[in-house]
Amino acid sequence: MSLNITSRYKYFILIVVFSSIGLACSAQGPKPQSDFWRNVRYGGALGLGFGNNSFNIAVSPSAIYQVSENFATGLGLNFEYSKFGDSEFTAYGGSILNFYNPIRAIQLSAVLQQLRVSTNYSSASPYLDENYWTTALFLGVGYSTRNVTFGIQYDVLHNDRSIYADPWAPFIRVYF
């Protein structure tokens, strides 16, 4: 699936709009300032992917604001390492996170990542190594308890510049 830059910004705008709506819904009544920190949860995600001669690991610490019992939004940092055959990719960046629980046990998620990627083609000329920016938009579903969610997500922006071997990726998220 190939998307141009304009299409990528449409996804970014969509995530920002949904985050803003969630935050606006939380501001319906006056709350003491200290309530803000009671609704902040810390944690993150761990991702692990395997494919035909490929490997990917992702560590993503983050903080989310629990807007309501059903909706949370936040920011995260990302570090990822991927290996495809003789090629290695290292990526770092940030993400915008949105989680919605229609029922307590099911969590729907939208995670927008912007990553700086550094490639190393060990079997090729060093002139083929490159550095670039890439965007991923993961839409996911998982089984959720209060602090842990197990699930699967799909990168709708997956293309040949993606560091992921496959657009599908399992995840584990933990928040305290």
Protein backbone atom coordinates (compact mmCIF):
# COMPACT_ATOMS: atom_id res chain seq x y z
CA MET A 1 0.00 0.00 0.00
CA SER A 2 1.61 3.22 -1.13
CA LEU A 3 0.48 6.56 0.30
CA ASN A 4 1.78 9.98 -0.59
CA ILE A 5 2.83 12.56 2.01
CA THR A 6 -0.54 14.32 1.88
CA SER A 7 -2.34 11.09 2.80
CA ARG A 8 -0.03 10.58 5.77
CA TYR A 9 -0.89 13.99 7.16
CA LYS A 10 -4.59 13.12 6.92
CA TYR A 11 -4.00 10.26 9.38
CA PHE A 12 -2.03 12.56 11.68
CA ILE A 13 -4.83 15.14 11.63
CA LEU A 14 -7.40 12.41 12.32
CA ILE A 15 -5.50 11.23 15.43
CA VAL A 16 -5.04 14.79 16.70
CA VAL A 17 -8.76 15.51 16.22
CA PHE A 18 -9.79 12.38 18.15
CA SER A 19 -7.34 13.23 20.94
CA SER A 20 -8.71 16.77 21.14
CA ILE A 21 -12.31 15.55 21.29
CA GLY A 22 -11.42 13.18 24.12
CA LEU A 23 -9.67 15.91 26.07
CA ALA A 24 -12.55 18.33 25.46
CA CYS A 25 -15.03 15.78 26.79
CA SER A 26 -13.00 15.53 29.99
CA ALA A 27 -13.18 19.29 30.59
CA GLN A 28 -16.93 19.39 31.23
CA GLY A 29 -16.76 20.44 34.84
CA PRO A 30 -14.31 22.11 37.19
CA LYS A 31 -11.89 19.68 38.80
CA PRO A 32 -9.25 20.37 41.41
CA GLN A 33 -5.78 20.66 39.86
CA SER A 34 -4.54 17.60 41.75
CA ASP A 35 -7.07 15.39 39.92
CA PHE A 36 -4.96 15.68 36.79
CA TRP A 37 -2.06 13.71 38.26
CA ARG A 38 -4.40 11.06 39.69
CA ASN A 39 -5.52 10.36 36.12
CA VAL A 40 -2.02 10.06 34.66
CA ARG A 41 -0.73 6.52 34.22
CA TYR A 42 2.80 5.47 33.31
CA GLY A 43 3.96 2.40 31.49
CA GLY A 44 4.37 1.48 27.89
CA ALA A 45 4.55 -1.27 25.35
CA LEU A 46 6.85 -4.03 24.30
CA GLY A 47 6.65 -5.32 20.75
CA LEU A 48 8.26 -8.38 19.25
CA GLY A 49 7.96 -9.55 15.66
CA PHE A 50 9.33 -12.48 13.71
CA GLY A 51 9.17 -13.21 10.00
CA ASN A 52 10.99 -15.10 7.31
CA ASN A 53 14.63 -14.25 8.13
CA SER A 54 13.56 -11.14 10.08
CA PHE A 55 13.31 -9.91 13.65
CA ASN A 56 11.92 -6.77 15.31
CA ILE A 57 11.87 -5.52 18.90
CA ALA A 58 10.26 -2.31 20.14
CA VAL A 59 10.39 -0.65 23.56
CA SER A 60 8.01 2.26 24.06
CA PRO A 61 7.73 3.98 27.46
CA SER A 62 4.77 6.34 27.69
CA ALA A 63 2.39 8.31 29.85
CA ILE A 64 -1.36 8.43 29.30
CA TYR A 65 -4.10 10.59 30.73
CA GLN A 66 -7.21 8.60 31.65
CA VAL A 67 -9.84 11.02 30.27
CA SER A 68 -12.74 8.80 31.29
CA GLU A 69 -13.30 5.20 32.28
CA ASN A 70 -13.38 4.31 28.58
CA PHE A 71 -10.88 6.68 26.91
CA ALA A 72 -7.19 7.49 27.44
CA THR A 73 -4.74 9.56 25.42
CA GLY A 74 -1.05 10.25 25.80
CA LEU A 75 2.47 10.51 24.45
CA GLY A 76 5.26 8.01 24.16
CA LEU A 77 8.88 7.57 23.20
CA ASN A 78 9.96 4.80 20.85
CA PHE A 79 13.10 2.79 20.29
CA GLU A 80 13.07 -0.01 17.76
CA TYR A 81 15.55 -2.41 16.26
CA SER A 82 14.85 -4.56 13.22
CA LYS A 83 16.90 -7.04 11.26
CA PHE A 84 15.90 -8.25 7.79
CA GLY A 85 18.43 -10.69 6.36
CA ASP A 86 21.74 -8.79 6.28
CA SER A 87 20.11 -5.39 6.82
CA GLU A 88 19.69 -3.67 10.18
CA PHE A 89 17.40 -0.80 11.06
CA THR A 90 17.48 1.31 14.21
CA ALA A 91 14.68 3.79 14.83
CA TYR A 92 13.78 6.29 17.51
CA GLY A 93 11.03 8.86 17.85
CA GLY A 94 7.74 9.66 19.46
CA SER A 95 4.10 8.66 19.32
CA ILE A 96 0.59 9.85 20.06
CA LEU A 97 -1.52 7.19 21.79
CA ASN A 98 -5.30 6.81 21.96
CA PHE A 99 -7.05 3.93 23.72
CA TYR A 100 -10.77 3.27 23.86
CA ASN A 101 -12.46 0.50 25.85
CA PRO A 102 -16.04 -0.02 24.59
CA ILE A 103 -16.29 -2.64 27.34
CA ARG A 104 -13.83 -3.21 30.17
CA ALA A 105 -12.15 -6.28 28.61
CA ILE A 106 -11.72 -4.95 25.04
CA GLN A 107 -9.34 -2.14 24.10
CA LEU A 108 -9.27 -0.46 20.69
CA SER A 109 -6.18 1.59 19.96
CA ALA A 110 -4.78 4.09 17.49
CA VAL A 111 -1.06 4.83 17.81
CA LEU A 112 0.66 7.30 15.49
CA GLN A 113 4.46 7.02 15.38
CA GLN A 114 7.02 9.31 13.79
CA LEU A 115 10.41 7.63 13.65
CA ARG A 116 13.92 8.53 12.56
CA VAL A 117 15.41 5.47 10.87
CA SER A 118 19.05 4.58 10.35
CA THR A 119 19.80 1.69 8.02
CA ASN A 120 22.90 -0.47 7.72
CA TYR A 121 23.22 -2.78 4.74
CA SER A 122 26.15 -4.94 5.86
CA SER A 123 26.38 -6.99 2.67
CA ALA A 124 26.26 -3.97 0.37
CA SER A 125 28.29 -0.87 -0.18
CA PRO A 126 28.27 1.63 2.74
CA TYR A 127 27.00 4.20 0.24
CA LEU A 128 23.61 2.45 0.37
CA ASP A 129 23.20 3.15 4.10
CA GLU A 130 20.61 5.83 4.71
CA ASN A 131 18.79 7.90 7.31
CA TYR A 132 15.17 9.00 6.89
CA TRP A 133 11.88 9.71 8.65
CA THR A 134 8.93 7.31 8.50
CA THR A 135 5.40 7.34 9.87
CA ALA A 136 3.35 4.41 11.16
CA LEU A 137 -0.30 4.37 12.19
CA PHE A 138 -1.23 1.29 14.18
CA LEU A 139 -4.87 0.38 14.65
CA GLY A 140 -5.24 -2.38 17.20
CA VAL A 141 -7.49 -4.48 19.37
CA GLY A 142 -6.62 -6.26 22.58
CA TYR A 143 -7.82 -8.01 25.70
CA SER A 144 -7.47 -5.60 28.59
CA THR A 145 -7.35 -5.77 32.36
CA ARG A 146 -6.89 -2.64 34.48
CA ASN A 147 -3.11 -2.56 33.96
CA VAL A 148 -2.25 -4.93 31.09
CA THR A 149 -3.45 -5.27 27.50
CA PHE A 150 -2.48 -8.10 25.11
CA GLY A 151 -3.38 -7.70 21.47
CA ILE A 152 -2.58 -7.29 17.82
CA GLN A 153 -2.23 -4.15 15.73
CA TYR A 154 -2.05 -3.33 12.03
CA ASP A 155 0.05 -0.53 10.47
CA VAL A 156 -2.22 1.05 7.85
CA LEU A 157 0.72 3.09 6.49
CA HIS A 158 2.98 0.05 5.99
CA ASN A 159 5.10 0.38 2.84
CA ASP A 160 8.56 -0.45 1.51
CA ARG A 161 10.14 2.22 3.77
CA SER A 162 8.65 0.68 6.92
CA ILE A 163 10.99 -0.94 9.42
CA TYR A 164 8.42 -3.67 10.07
CA ALA A 165 8.57 -6.95 8.16
CA ASP A 166 4.80 -7.20 8.21
CA PRO A 167 2.03 -4.68 8.93
CA TRP A 168 0.64 -7.00 11.64
CA ALA A 169 2.34 -6.88 15.05
CA PRO A 170 1.41 -8.36 18.44
CA PHE A 171 1.79 -6.10 21.48
CA ILE A 172 1.74 -6.04 25.26
CA ARG A 173 0.96 -2.74 27.03
CA VAL A 174 1.36 -2.20 30.76
CA TYR A 175 0.21 0.92 32.67
CA PHE A 176 0.27 1.70 36.38
